[in-house]
Each structure stands twice: as C-alpha cells, then as structure tokens.
Amino acid sequence: CSNLGYYWQSVSGQLDIWRRERPVEQVIA
C-alpha cells in the first residue's frame, strides 16, 4: 500500500507502451 500510487503510474505507463507496440518489420512494411 505504501507505494501503491507510484506503482500504479509505473504499471499504467508500461501498459501504454505495450498498447502502442508493433513489430519493427511490420512498421517497415
């Protein structure tokens, strides 16, 4: 609980990156 706010922003930020990812070959093509 003591770090819940910090971890939540970390998790949210990481999830946003995963949501945006595409294989490099796919982006190139």
PDB file of all heavy atoms in Angstrom:
ATOM      1  N   CYS A   1       0.813  -1.221   0.000  1.00  0.00           N
ATOM      2  CA  CYS A   1       0.000   0.000   0.000  1.00  0.00           C
ATOM      3  C   CYS A   1       0.842   1.265   0.000  1.00  0.00           C
ATOM      4  O   CYS A   1       0.466   2.260  -0.606  1.00  0.00           O
ATOM      5  CB  CYS A   1      -0.919  -0.006   1.223  1.00  0.00           C
ATOM      6  SG  CYS A   1      -2.170  -1.308   1.163  1.00  0.00           S
ATOM      7  N   SER A   2       1.996   1.245   0.680  1.00  0.00           N
ATOM      8  CA  SER A   2       2.769   2.473   0.817  1.00  0.00           C
ATOM      9  C   SER A   2       3.265   2.999  -0.528  1.00  0.00           C
ATOM     10  O   SER A   2       3.455   4.199  -0.695  1.00  0.00           O
ATOM     11  CB  SER A   2       3.966   2.236   1.756  1.00  0.00           C
ATOM     12  OG  SER A   2       4.830   1.259   1.210  1.00  0.00           O
ATOM     13  N   ASN A   3       3.487   2.111  -1.475  1.00  0.00           N
ATOM     14  CA  ASN A   3       3.995   2.528  -2.777  1.00  0.00           C
ATOM     15  C   ASN A   3       2.949   2.382  -3.870  1.00  0.00           C
ATOM     16  O   ASN A   3       3.287   2.445  -5.053  1.00  0.00           O
ATOM     17  CB  ASN A   3       5.218   1.689  -3.160  1.00  0.00           C
ATOM     18  CG  ASN A   3       6.477   2.173  -2.472  1.00  0.00           C
ATOM     19  OD1 ASN A   3       6.686   3.360  -2.306  1.00  0.00           O
ATOM     20  ND2 ASN A   3       7.302   1.241  -2.047  1.00  0.00           N
ATOM     21  N   LEU A   4       1.689   2.202  -3.489  1.00  0.00           N
ATOM     22  CA  LEU A   4       0.665   1.869  -4.477  1.00  0.00           C
ATOM     23  C   LEU A   4       0.531   2.933  -5.557  1.00  0.00           C
ATOM     24  O   LEU A   4       0.455   2.620  -6.749  1.00  0.00           O
ATOM     25  CB  LEU A   4      -0.689   1.669  -3.777  1.00  0.00           C
ATOM     26  CG  LEU A   4      -1.806   1.056  -4.644  1.00  0.00           C
ATOM     27  CD1 LEU A   4      -1.376  -0.304  -5.157  1.00  0.00           C
ATOM     28  CD2 LEU A   4      -3.095   0.938  -3.849  1.00  0.00           C
ATOM     29  N   GLY A   5       0.541   4.216  -5.176  1.00  0.00           N
ATOM     30  CA  GLY A   5       0.405   5.280  -6.164  1.00  0.00           C
ATOM     31  C   GLY A   5       1.552   5.296  -7.153  1.00  0.00           C
ATOM     32  O   GLY A   5       1.345   5.446  -8.363  1.00  0.00           O
ATOM     33  N   TYR A   6       2.764   5.108  -6.643  1.00  0.00           N
ATOM     34  CA  TYR A   6       3.925   5.103  -7.538  1.00  0.00           C
ATOM     35  C   TYR A   6       3.871   3.904  -8.475  1.00  0.00           C
ATOM     36  O   TYR A   6       4.126   4.030  -9.675  1.00  0.00           O
ATOM     37  CB  TYR A   6       5.213   5.080  -6.727  1.00  0.00           C
ATOM     38  CG  TYR A   6       6.432   5.005  -7.615  1.00  0.00           C
ATOM     39  CD1 TYR A   6       6.850   6.113  -8.354  1.00  0.00           C
ATOM     40  CD2 TYR A   6       7.145   3.822  -7.753  1.00  0.00           C
ATOM     41  CE1 TYR A   6       7.945   6.046  -9.197  1.00  0.00           C
ATOM     42  CE2 TYR A   6       8.242   3.748  -8.592  1.00  0.00           C
ATOM     43  CZ  TYR A   6       8.635   4.860  -9.310  1.00  0.00           C
ATOM     44  OH  TYR A   6       9.711   4.775 -10.151  1.00  0.00           O
ATOM     45  N   TYR A   7       3.552   2.729  -7.941  1.00  0.00           N
ATOM     46  CA  TYR A   7       3.498   1.538  -8.792  1.00  0.00           C
ATOM     47  C   TYR A   7       2.372   1.638  -9.812  1.00  0.00           C
ATOM     48  O   TYR A   7       2.493   1.143 -10.931  1.00  0.00           O
ATOM     49  CB  TYR A   7       3.342   0.270  -7.944  1.00  0.00           C
ATOM     50  CG  TYR A   7       4.641  -0.171  -7.317  1.00  0.00           C
ATOM     51  CD1 TYR A   7       4.791  -0.204  -5.933  1.00  0.00           C
ATOM     52  CD2 TYR A   7       5.731  -0.526  -8.107  1.00  0.00           C
ATOM     53  CE1 TYR A   7       5.989  -0.587  -5.355  1.00  0.00           C
ATOM     54  CE2 TYR A   7       6.929  -0.909  -7.529  1.00  0.00           C
ATOM     55  CZ  TYR A   7       7.057  -0.935  -6.154  1.00  0.00           C
ATOM     56  OH  TYR A   7       8.239  -1.317  -5.587  1.00  0.00           O
ATOM     57  N   TRP A   8       1.300   2.296  -9.434  1.00  0.00           N
ATOM     58  CA  TRP A   8       0.197   2.420 -10.390  1.00  0.00           C
ATOM     59  C   TRP A   8       0.622   3.241 -11.600  1.00  0.00           C
ATOM     60  O   TRP A   8       0.325   2.883 -12.734  1.00  0.00           O
ATOM     61  CB  TRP A   8      -1.027   3.044  -9.731  1.00  0.00           C
ATOM     62  CG  TRP A   8      -2.123   3.295 -10.734  1.00  0.00           C
ATOM     63  CD1 TRP A   8      -2.607   4.492 -11.155  1.00  0.00           C
ATOM     64  CD2 TRP A   8      -2.855   2.308 -11.462  1.00  0.00           C
ATOM     65  NE1 TRP A   8      -3.582   4.327 -12.108  1.00  0.00           N
ATOM     66  CE2 TRP A   8      -3.765   2.996 -12.316  1.00  0.00           C
ATOM     67  CE3 TRP A   8      -2.833   0.921 -11.480  1.00  0.00           C
ATOM     68  CZ2 TRP A   8      -4.629   2.325 -13.173  1.00  0.00           C
ATOM     69  CZ3 TRP A   8      -3.694   0.251 -12.340  1.00  0.00           C
ATOM     70  CH2 TRP A   8      -4.582   0.954 -13.172  1.00  0.00           C
ATOM     71  N   GLN A   9       1.342   4.345 -11.375  1.00  0.00           N
ATOM     72  CA  GLN A   9       1.793   5.132 -12.518  1.00  0.00           C
ATOM     73  C   GLN A   9       2.804   4.335 -13.340  1.00  0.00           C
ATOM     74  O   GLN A   9       2.841   4.463 -14.573  1.00  0.00           O
ATOM     75  CB  GLN A   9       2.359   6.489 -12.069  1.00  0.00           C
ATOM     76  CG  GLN A   9       3.708   6.469 -11.365  1.00  0.00           C
ATOM     77  CD  GLN A   9       4.900   6.468 -12.305  1.00  0.00           C
ATOM     78  OE1 GLN A   9       4.817   6.989 -13.415  1.00  0.00           O
ATOM     79  NE2 GLN A   9       5.998   5.859 -11.878  1.00  0.00           N
ATOM     80  N   SER A  10       3.620   3.519 -12.682  1.00  0.00           N
ATOM     81  CA  SER A  10       4.585   2.696 -13.410  1.00  0.00           C
ATOM     82  C   SER A  10       3.877   1.667 -14.279  1.00  0.00           C
ATOM     83  O   SER A  10       4.221   1.481 -15.453  1.00  0.00           O
ATOM     84  CB  SER A  10       5.516   1.980 -12.422  1.00  0.00           C
ATOM     85  OG  SER A  10       6.255   2.907 -11.661  1.00  0.00           O
ATOM     86  N   VAL A  11       2.896   1.008 -13.704  1.00  0.00           N
ATOM     87  CA  VAL A  11       2.146  -0.008 -14.454  1.00  0.00           C
ATOM     88  C   VAL A  11       1.369   0.639 -15.596  1.00  0.00           C
ATOM     89  O   VAL A  11       1.359   0.136 -16.731  1.00  0.00           O
ATOM     90  CB  VAL A  11       1.197  -0.771 -13.508  1.00  0.00           C
ATOM     91  CG1 VAL A  11       0.213  -1.626 -14.304  1.00  0.00           C
ATOM     92  CG2 VAL A  11       2.003  -1.641 -12.554  1.00  0.00           C
ATOM     93  N   SER A  12       0.723   1.766 -15.326  1.00  0.00           N
ATOM     94  CA  SER A  12      -0.050   2.442 -16.370  1.00  0.00           C
ATOM     95  C   SER A  12       0.851   2.867 -17.526  1.00  0.00           C
ATOM     96  O   SER A  12       0.500   2.713 -18.700  1.00  0.00           O
ATOM     97  CB  SER A  12      -0.753   3.681 -15.788  1.00  0.00           C
ATOM     98  OG  SER A  12      -1.655   3.315 -14.774  1.00  0.00           O
ATOM     99  N   GLY A  13       2.022   3.385 -17.191  1.00  0.00           N
ATOM    100  CA  GLY A  13       2.953   3.800 -18.231  1.00  0.00           C
ATOM    101  C   GLY A  13       3.448   2.630 -19.053  1.00  0.00           C
ATOM    102  O   GLY A  13       3.561   2.727 -20.283  1.00  0.00           O
ATOM    103  N   GLN A  14       3.739   1.509 -18.391  1.00  0.00           N
ATOM    104  CA  GLN A  14       4.209   0.326 -19.113  1.00  0.00           C
ATOM    105  C   GLN A  14       3.106  -0.252 -19.993  1.00  0.00           C
ATOM    106  O   GLN A  14       3.358  -0.659 -21.140  1.00  0.00           O
ATOM    107  CB  GLN A  14       4.693  -0.729 -18.123  1.00  0.00           C
ATOM    108  CG  GLN A  14       5.386  -1.915 -18.776  1.00  0.00           C
ATOM    109  CD  GLN A  14       6.650  -1.525 -19.510  1.00  0.00           C
ATOM    110  OE1 GLN A  14       7.579  -0.968 -18.934  1.00  0.00           O
ATOM    111  NE2 GLN A  14       6.705  -1.809 -20.797  1.00  0.00           N
ATOM    112  N   LEU A  15       1.894  -0.281 -19.496  1.00  0.00           N
ATOM    113  CA  LEU A  15       0.773  -0.774 -20.300  1.00  0.00           C
ATOM    114  C   LEU A  15       0.559   0.089 -21.540  1.00  0.00           C
ATOM    115  O   LEU A  15       0.233  -0.423 -22.621  1.00  0.00           O
ATOM    116  CB  LEU A  15      -0.505  -0.805 -19.463  1.00  0.00           C
ATOM    117  CG  LEU A  15      -0.611  -1.928 -18.436  1.00  0.00           C
ATOM    118  CD1 LEU A  15      -1.838  -1.718 -17.545  1.00  0.00           C
ATOM    119  CD2 LEU A  15      -0.699  -3.287 -19.116  1.00  0.00           C
ATOM    120  N   ASP A  16       0.747   1.398 -21.398  1.00  0.00           N
ATOM    121  CA  ASP A  16       0.587   2.294 -22.545  1.00  0.00           C
ATOM    122  C   ASP A  16       1.635   1.991 -23.618  1.00  0.00           C
ATOM    123  O   ASP A  16       1.333   2.016 -24.822  1.00  0.00           O
ATOM    124  CB  ASP A  16       0.701   3.745 -22.087  1.00  0.00           C
ATOM    125  CG  ASP A  16       0.547   4.722 -23.248  1.00  0.00           C
ATOM    126  OD1 ASP A  16      -0.519   4.703 -23.896  1.00  0.00           O
ATOM    127  OD2 ASP A  16       1.491   5.487 -23.513  1.00  0.00           O
ATOM    128  N   ILE A  17       2.859   1.699 -23.187  1.00  0.00           N
ATOM    129  CA  ILE A  17       3.900   1.328 -24.156  1.00  0.00           C
ATOM    130  C   ILE A  17       3.518   0.045 -24.871  1.00  0.00           C
ATOM    131  O   ILE A  17       3.595  -0.048 -26.106  1.00  0.00           O
ATOM    132  CB  ILE A  17       5.264   1.171 -23.447  1.00  0.00           C
ATOM    133  CG1 ILE A  17       5.746   2.525 -22.945  1.00  0.00           C
ATOM    134  CG2 ILE A  17       6.291   0.550 -24.400  1.00  0.00           C
ATOM    135  CD1 ILE A  17       7.023   2.459 -22.131  1.00  0.00           C
ATOM    136  N   TRP A  18       3.101  -0.974 -24.131  1.00  0.00           N
ATOM    137  CA  TRP A  18       2.708  -2.243 -24.752  1.00  0.00           C
ATOM    138  C   TRP A  18       1.562  -2.042 -25.743  1.00  0.00           C
ATOM    139  O   TRP A  18       1.521  -2.672 -26.800  1.00  0.00           O
ATOM    140  CB  TRP A  18       2.297  -3.240 -23.675  1.00  0.00           C
ATOM    141  CG  TRP A  18       3.452  -3.807 -22.898  1.00  0.00           C
ATOM    142  CD1 TRP A  18       4.734  -3.986 -23.337  1.00  0.00           C
ATOM    143  CD2 TRP A  18       3.429  -4.273 -21.549  1.00  0.00           C
ATOM    144  NE1 TRP A  18       5.512  -4.538 -22.350  1.00  0.00           N
ATOM    145  CE2 TRP A  18       4.740  -4.729 -21.242  1.00  0.00           C
ATOM    146  CE3 TRP A  18       2.441  -4.355 -20.573  1.00  0.00           C
ATOM    147  CZ2 TRP A  18       5.071  -5.262 -19.996  1.00  0.00           C
ATOM    148  CZ3 TRP A  18       2.774  -4.882 -19.338  1.00  0.00           C
ATOM    149  CH2 TRP A  18       4.072  -5.330 -19.054  1.00  0.00           C
ATOM    150  N   ARG A  19       0.637  -1.153 -25.382  1.00  0.00           N
ATOM    151  CA  ARG A  19      -0.520  -0.913 -26.259  1.00  0.00           C
ATOM    152  C   ARG A  19      -0.103  -0.337 -27.596  1.00  0.00           C
ATOM    153  O   ARG A  19      -0.751  -0.588 -28.627  1.00  0.00           O
ATOM    154  CB  ARG A  19      -1.487   0.047 -25.541  1.00  0.00           C
ATOM    155  CG  ARG A  19      -2.732   0.410 -26.325  1.00  0.00           C
ATOM    156  CD  ARG A  19      -3.628   1.347 -25.521  1.00  0.00           C
ATOM    157  NE  ARG A  19      -2.995   2.620 -25.249  1.00  0.00           N
ATOM    158  CZ  ARG A  19      -2.944   3.637 -26.114  1.00  0.00           C
ATOM    159  NH1 ARG A  19      -3.463   3.503 -27.326  1.00  0.00           N
ATOM    160  NH2 ARG A  19      -2.371   4.781 -25.769  1.00  0.00           N
ATOM    161  N   ARG A  20       0.989   0.420 -27.612  1.00  0.00           N
ATOM    162  CA  ARG A  20       1.433   1.102 -28.822  1.00  0.00           C
ATOM    163  C   ARG A  20       2.408   0.278 -29.671  1.00  0.00           C
ATOM    164  O   ARG A  20       2.712   0.649 -30.804  1.00  0.00           O
ATOM    165  CB  ARG A  20       2.118   2.425 -28.438  1.00  0.00           C
ATOM    166  CG  ARG A  20       1.194   3.437 -27.781  1.00  0.00           C
ATOM    167  CD  ARG A  20       1.999   4.584 -27.171  1.00  0.00           C
ATOM    168  NE  ARG A  20       1.167   5.570 -26.511  1.00  0.00           N
ATOM    169  CZ  ARG A  20       0.709   6.682 -27.070  1.00  0.00           C
ATOM    170  NH1 ARG A  20       1.013   6.955 -28.333  1.00  0.00           N
ATOM    171  NH2 ARG A  20      -0.039   7.533 -26.397  1.00  0.00           N
ATOM    172  N   GLU A  21       2.930  -0.789 -29.122  1.00  0.00           N
ATOM    173  CA  GLU A  21       3.979  -1.550 -29.807  1.00  0.00           C
ATOM    174  C   GLU A  21       3.486  -2.269 -31.068  1.00  0.00           C
ATOM    175  O   GLU A  21       2.369  -2.776 -31.115  1.00  0.00           O
ATOM    176  CB  GLU A  21       4.553  -2.613 -28.868  1.00  0.00           C
ATOM    177  CG  GLU A  21       5.483  -2.102 -27.813  1.00  0.00           C
ATOM    178  CD  GLU A  21       6.033  -3.241 -26.971  1.00  0.00           C
ATOM    179  OE1 GLU A  21       5.756  -4.416 -27.277  1.00  0.00           O
ATOM    180  OE2 GLU A  21       6.734  -2.953 -25.988  1.00  0.00           O
ATOM    181  N   ARG A  22       4.378  -2.328 -32.062  1.00  0.00           N
ATOM    182  CA  ARG A  22       4.196  -3.171 -33.247  1.00  0.00           C
ATOM    183  C   ARG A  22       5.550  -3.742 -33.639  1.00  0.00           C
ATOM    184  O   ARG A  22       6.572  -3.083 -33.436  1.00  0.00           O
ATOM    185  CB  ARG A  22       3.641  -2.364 -34.427  1.00  0.00           C
ATOM    186  CG  ARG A  22       2.181  -1.986 -34.330  1.00  0.00           C
ATOM    187  CD  ARG A  22       1.653  -1.573 -35.710  1.00  0.00           C
ATOM    188  NE  ARG A  22       2.296  -0.358 -36.200  1.00  0.00           N
ATOM    189  CZ  ARG A  22       2.299   0.016 -37.479  1.00  0.00           C
ATOM    190  NH1 ARG A  22       1.737  -0.759 -38.407  1.00  0.00           N
ATOM    191  NH2 ARG A  22       2.884   1.146 -37.840  1.00  0.00           N
ATOM    192  N   PRO A  23       5.597  -4.932 -34.220  1.00  0.00           N
ATOM    193  CA  PRO A  23       6.882  -5.460 -34.677  1.00  0.00           C
ATOM    194  C   PRO A  23       7.552  -4.488 -35.640  1.00  0.00           C
ATOM    195  O   PRO A  23       6.886  -3.879 -36.491  1.00  0.00           O
ATOM    196  CB  PRO A  23       6.494  -6.765 -35.382  1.00  0.00           C
ATOM    197  CG  PRO A  23       5.195  -7.169 -34.741  1.00  0.00           C
ATOM    198  CD  PRO A  23       4.486  -5.878 -34.444  1.00  0.00           C
ATOM    199  N   VAL A  24       8.853  -4.336 -35.514  1.00  0.00           N
ATOM    200  CA  VAL A  24       9.580  -3.407 -36.369  1.00  0.00           C
ATOM    201  C   VAL A  24       9.387  -3.751 -37.839  1.00  0.00           C
ATOM    202  O   VAL A  24       9.182  -2.855 -38.676  1.00  0.00           O
ATOM    203  CB  VAL A  24      11.078  -3.409 -36.000  1.00  0.00           C
ATOM    204  CG1 VAL A  24      11.900  -2.689 -37.069  1.00  0.00           C
ATOM    205  CG2 VAL A  24      11.289  -2.749 -34.644  1.00  0.00           C
ATOM    206  N   GLU A  25       9.440  -5.045 -38.180  1.00  0.00           N
ATOM    207  CA  GLU A  25       9.259  -5.434 -39.583  1.00  0.00           C
ATOM    208  C   GLU A  25       7.900  -4.992 -40.115  1.00  0.00           C
ATOM    209  O   GLU A  25       7.775  -4.594 -41.276  1.00  0.00           O
ATOM    210  CB  GLU A  25       9.400  -6.947 -39.744  1.00  0.00           C
ATOM    211  CG  GLU A  25      10.794  -7.480 -39.503  1.00  0.00           C
ATOM    212  CD  GLU A  25      11.015  -7.860 -38.049  1.00  0.00           C
ATOM    213  OE1 GLU A  25      10.208  -7.413 -37.188  1.00  0.00           O
ATOM    214  OE2 GLU A  25      11.989  -8.589 -37.773  1.00  0.00           O
ATOM    215  N   GLN A  26       6.895  -5.045 -39.259  1.00  0.00           N
ATOM    216  CA  GLN A  26       5.551  -4.632 -39.666  1.00  0.00           C
ATOM    217  C   GLN A  26       5.503  -3.131 -39.912  1.00  0.00           C
ATOM    218  O   GLN A  26       4.874  -2.667 -40.874  1.00  0.00           O
ATOM    219  CB  GLN A  26       4.546  -5.020 -38.577  1.00  0.00           C
ATOM    220  CG  GLN A  26       3.097  -4.780 -38.923  1.00  0.00           C
ATOM    221  CD  GLN A  26       2.180  -5.151 -37.777  1.00  0.00           C
ATOM    222  OE1 GLN A  26       1.613  -4.292 -37.104  1.00  0.00           O
ATOM    223  NE2 GLN A  26       2.050  -6.446 -37.531  1.00  0.00           N
ATOM    224  N   VAL A  27       6.168  -2.369 -39.075  1.00  0.00           N
ATOM    225  CA  VAL A  27       6.201  -0.912 -39.248  1.00  0.00           C
ATOM    226  C   VAL A  27       6.941  -0.564 -40.538  1.00  0.00           C
ATOM    227  O   VAL A  27       6.517   0.317 -41.296  1.00  0.00           O
ATOM    228  CB  VAL A  27       6.872  -0.229 -38.039  1.00  0.00           C
ATOM    229  CG1 VAL A  27       6.937   1.287 -38.241  1.00  0.00           C
ATOM    230  CG2 VAL A  27       6.115  -0.554 -36.752  1.00  0.00           C
ATOM    231  N   ILE A  28       8.037  -1.253 -40.805  1.00  0.00           N
ATOM    232  CA  ILE A  28       8.806  -1.001 -42.019  1.00  0.00           C
ATOM    233  C   ILE A  28       7.991  -1.319 -43.259  1.00  0.00           C
ATOM    234  O   ILE A  28       8.036  -0.604 -44.268  1.00  0.00           O
ATOM    235  CB  ILE A  28      10.122  -1.812 -42.004  1.00  0.00           C
ATOM    236  CG1 ILE A  28      11.052  -1.283 -40.906  1.00  0.00           C
ATOM    237  CG2 ILE A  28      10.814  -1.751 -43.364  1.00  0.00           C
ATOM    238  CD1 ILE A  28      12.318  -2.112 -40.709  1.00  0.00           C
ATOM    239  N   ALA A  29       7.212  -2.405 -43.205  1.00  0.00           N
ATOM    240  CA  ALA A  29       6.428  -2.839 -44.367  1.00  0.00           C
ATOM    241  C   ALA A  29       5.171  -2.005 -44.586  1.00  0.00           C
ATOM    242  O   ALA A  29       4.576  -2.049 -45.662  1.00  0.00           O
ATOM    243  CB  ALA A  29       6.048  -4.313 -44.210  1.00  0.00           C
TER     244      ALA A  29
END
